[in-house]
Amino acid sequence: MKFIISGKNIEITPGLKDTVTRKLGKLERYFTPDTEIIVTLSVEKERQKIEVTIPVKGNIIRSEQVSSDMYVSIDLVEEVIERQLRKYKTKLIARHQDGGNFKQEFFDEEDAPESDEEIRIVRTKRFGIKPMYPEDACIQMELLGHDFFVFCNAETDEVNVVYKRKNGTFGLIEPEFQ
């Protein structure tokens, strides 16, 4: 695995770098040697944040963890990434997909049975969709009290999603067909 470690408002000390590579290095048994793990450490006031992104065959495994101690954040992100890998493995096996960046050992390894790891869709919702501008979709989302809103963009005639970000601003998701 190739680690790309960067920092924002923090110096990447050898101790931090060693801890990141040691903790996330445990995942090495799952990935091929050319897999990149992008790690960003940052400090904002009292918040010690780590962001880990692992691109794998058209998907992204990502986690962002915050605590008052960077080493605690590193531990938390490692746990979340492992949990995401177990879910992703279940999905790949269920759909008989090619593993891409994963080694065969990842699929051969036995997992402890965890009923909450299985993805189950328990409700399907259908709704009328009319063209609107992203700003109007944000207003509609706020009126409904939701964190996201799916709509047809009046400018592009494509389905888009607006969402409320942690800092109170809004985001827009637009499809990009490949």
Protein backbone atom coordinates (compact mmCIF):
# COMPACT_ATOMS: atom_id res chain seq x y z
CA MET A 1 0.00 0.00 0.00
CA LYS A 2 1.13 3.51 -0.72
CA PHE A 3 0.42 6.09 1.96
CA ILE A 4 -0.03 9.73 0.97
CA ILE A 5 -0.03 11.65 4.26
CA SER A 6 -0.54 15.39 4.42
CA GLY A 7 -1.35 17.90 7.12
CA LYS A 8 -3.33 21.10 7.53
CA ASN A 9 -2.32 23.32 10.44
CA ILE A 10 -0.25 20.45 11.82
CA GLU A 11 3.30 19.22 11.36
CA ILE A 12 3.44 15.56 10.38
CA THR A 13 5.92 14.29 12.95
CA PRO A 14 7.66 10.93 12.53
CA GLY A 15 5.57 9.66 15.48
CA LEU A 16 2.29 10.61 13.80
CA LYS A 17 3.40 9.18 10.47
CA ASP A 18 4.49 5.96 12.16
CA THR A 19 1.18 5.62 14.02
CA VAL A 20 -0.86 6.19 10.86
CA THR A 21 1.14 3.68 8.82
CA ARG A 22 1.13 1.13 11.67
CA LYS A 23 -2.62 1.39 12.37
CA LEU A 24 -3.78 1.59 8.76
CA GLY A 25 -1.03 -0.82 7.74
CA LYS A 26 -3.15 -3.55 9.36
CA LEU A 27 -5.38 -3.22 6.31
CA GLU A 28 -2.46 -4.21 4.07
CA ARG A 29 -3.61 -7.83 4.04
CA TYR A 30 -6.74 -6.76 2.14
CA PHE A 31 -5.25 -4.57 -0.58
CA THR A 32 -2.88 -5.00 -3.49
CA PRO A 33 0.53 -3.28 -3.11
CA ASP A 34 -0.36 -0.47 -5.56
CA THR A 35 -3.42 0.68 -3.57
CA GLU A 36 -3.16 4.30 -2.45
CA ILE A 37 -4.37 5.40 0.97
CA ILE A 38 -4.80 9.17 1.17
CA VAL A 39 -4.59 10.49 4.72
CA THR A 40 -5.11 14.11 5.75
CA LEU A 41 -4.49 15.19 9.33
CA SER A 42 -5.77 18.59 10.42
CA VAL A 43 -6.22 20.72 13.50
CA GLU A 44 -9.03 23.27 13.84
CA LYS A 45 -9.22 24.87 17.29
CA GLU A 46 -9.52 21.91 19.70
CA ARG A 47 -10.53 19.46 16.97
CA GLN A 48 -7.97 16.87 15.86
CA LYS A 49 -9.28 15.46 12.58
CA ILE A 50 -8.15 12.63 10.32
CA GLU A 51 -9.60 11.94 6.89
CA VAL A 52 -8.81 8.67 5.11
CA THR A 53 -9.76 8.01 1.49
CA ILE A 54 -9.11 4.73 -0.32
CA PRO A 55 -10.17 4.62 -3.99
CA VAL A 56 -11.11 1.05 -4.98
CA LYS A 57 -12.44 0.08 -8.42
CA GLY A 58 -14.93 2.84 -9.05
CA ASN A 59 -15.85 3.27 -5.38
CA ILE A 60 -14.35 5.13 -2.45
CA ILE A 61 -13.89 3.89 1.06
CA ARG A 62 -13.72 6.99 3.23
CA SER A 63 -13.86 7.97 6.87
CA GLU A 64 -13.43 11.22 8.75
CA GLN A 65 -13.01 11.16 12.53
CA VAL A 66 -12.62 14.01 15.02
CA SER A 67 -11.59 14.04 18.67
CA SER A 68 -9.55 16.14 21.05
CA ASP A 69 -6.51 13.83 20.55
CA MET A 70 -5.06 12.94 17.13
CA TYR A 71 -4.07 9.44 18.28
CA VAL A 72 -7.66 8.75 19.38
CA SER A 73 -8.89 10.01 16.00
CA ILE A 74 -6.47 7.61 14.26
CA ASP A 75 -7.81 4.67 16.31
CA LEU A 76 -11.40 5.63 15.53
CA VAL A 77 -10.80 5.98 11.79
CA GLU A 78 -9.11 2.57 11.64
CA GLU A 79 -12.16 0.92 13.27
CA VAL A 80 -14.58 2.65 10.90
CA ILE A 81 -12.55 1.72 7.79
CA GLU A 82 -12.46 -1.95 8.87
CA ARG A 83 -16.22 -1.93 9.40
CA GLN A 84 -16.73 -0.37 5.95
CA LEU A 85 -14.47 -3.03 4.41
CA ARG A 86 -16.58 -5.81 5.92
CA LYS A 87 -19.74 -4.23 4.47
CA TYR A 88 -18.08 -3.75 1.09
CA LYS A 89 -16.88 -7.36 1.11
CA THR A 90 -20.43 -8.58 1.77
CA LYS A 91 -21.70 -6.46 -1.11
CA LEU A 92 -19.04 -7.78 -3.51
CA ILE A 93 -19.71 -11.39 -2.58
CA ALA A 94 -23.47 -10.91 -2.86
CA ARG A 95 -23.17 -9.41 -6.34
CA HIS A 96 -20.27 -11.64 -7.47
CA GLN A 97 -18.29 -8.61 -8.54
CA ASP A 98 -14.61 -8.41 -9.34
CA GLY A 99 -12.60 -7.29 -6.30
CA GLY A 100 -10.31 -4.85 -8.13
CA ASN A 101 -7.77 -3.61 -5.55
CA PHE A 102 -8.44 -6.42 -3.06
CA LYS A 103 -6.28 -9.49 -2.54
CA GLN A 104 -7.95 -12.92 -2.63
CA GLU A 105 -7.24 -13.30 1.12
CA PHE A 106 -9.77 -10.54 1.76
CA PHE A 107 -12.54 -12.77 0.37
CA ASP A 108 -11.23 -16.00 1.88
CA GLU A 109 -11.06 -14.59 5.41
CA GLU A 110 -13.91 -15.67 7.69
CA ASP A 111 -15.83 -12.90 9.39
CA ALA A 112 -17.63 -13.20 12.67
CA PRO A 113 -21.35 -13.24 11.87
CA GLU A 114 -22.68 -9.75 12.45
CA SER A 115 -26.32 -9.30 11.56
CA ASP A 116 -26.02 -5.50 11.52
CA GLU A 117 -23.39 -5.65 8.76
CA GLU A 118 -25.92 -6.80 6.17
CA ILE A 119 -27.49 -4.03 4.14
CA ARG A 120 -31.28 -4.25 4.12
CA ILE A 121 -33.59 -1.81 2.39
CA VAL A 122 -36.65 -1.62 4.61
CA ARG A 123 -38.63 1.08 2.82
CA THR A 124 -39.01 2.43 -0.70
CA LYS A 125 -40.38 5.92 -1.16
CA ARG A 126 -41.76 7.32 -4.40
CA PHE A 127 -42.39 10.99 -4.97
CA GLY A 128 -43.25 13.38 -7.76
CA ILE A 129 -40.29 15.33 -9.05
CA LYS A 130 -40.55 18.67 -10.80
CA PRO A 131 -37.75 20.79 -12.26
CA MET A 132 -36.36 23.46 -9.93
CA TYR A 133 -33.20 25.43 -9.40
CA PRO A 134 -30.67 24.29 -6.75
CA GLU A 135 -31.39 27.36 -4.59
CA ASP A 136 -35.12 26.52 -4.60
CA ALA A 137 -34.29 22.92 -3.70
CA CYS A 138 -32.32 24.19 -0.68
CA ILE A 139 -35.30 26.23 0.45
CA GLN A 140 -37.61 23.22 0.00
CA MET A 141 -35.18 21.03 1.97
CA GLU A 142 -35.14 23.57 4.82
CA LEU A 143 -38.95 23.77 4.83
CA LEU A 144 -39.17 19.98 5.11
CA GLY A 145 -36.51 19.90 7.84
CA HIS A 146 -34.42 17.35 5.95
CA ASP A 147 -30.63 17.04 5.61
CA PHE A 148 -30.84 16.37 1.85
CA PHE A 149 -33.28 16.83 -1.03
CA VAL A 150 -33.49 15.04 -4.39
CA PHE A 151 -34.72 17.14 -7.33
CA CYS A 152 -34.61 17.58 -11.09
CA ASN A 153 -32.28 20.47 -11.92
CA ALA A 154 -34.13 22.97 -14.14
CA GLU A 155 -30.84 24.03 -15.74
CA THR A 156 -29.55 20.58 -16.70
CA ASP A 157 -32.67 18.34 -16.61
CA GLU A 158 -30.69 15.85 -14.49
CA VAL A 159 -31.46 14.45 -11.06
CA ASN A 160 -29.37 16.26 -8.42
CA VAL A 161 -29.15 16.24 -4.63
CA VAL A 162 -28.66 19.20 -2.34
CA TYR A 163 -27.50 18.55 1.21
CA LYS A 164 -26.78 20.44 4.39
CA ARG A 165 -23.11 20.38 5.40
CA LYS A 166 -21.83 20.16 8.97
CA ASN A 167 -20.85 23.84 8.98
CA GLY A 168 -24.35 24.97 7.96
CA THR A 169 -23.58 25.60 4.28
CA PHE A 170 -25.12 23.63 1.40
CA GLY A 171 -23.68 21.17 -1.07
CA LEU A 172 -24.86 20.06 -4.52
CA ILE A 173 -24.33 16.59 -5.98
CA GLU A 174 -24.47 16.37 -9.77
CA PRO A 175 -24.16 13.11 -11.72
CA GLU A 176 -21.11 12.54 -13.89
CA PHE A 177 -21.59 9.60 -16.21
CA GLN A 178 -18.49 7.60 -17.04
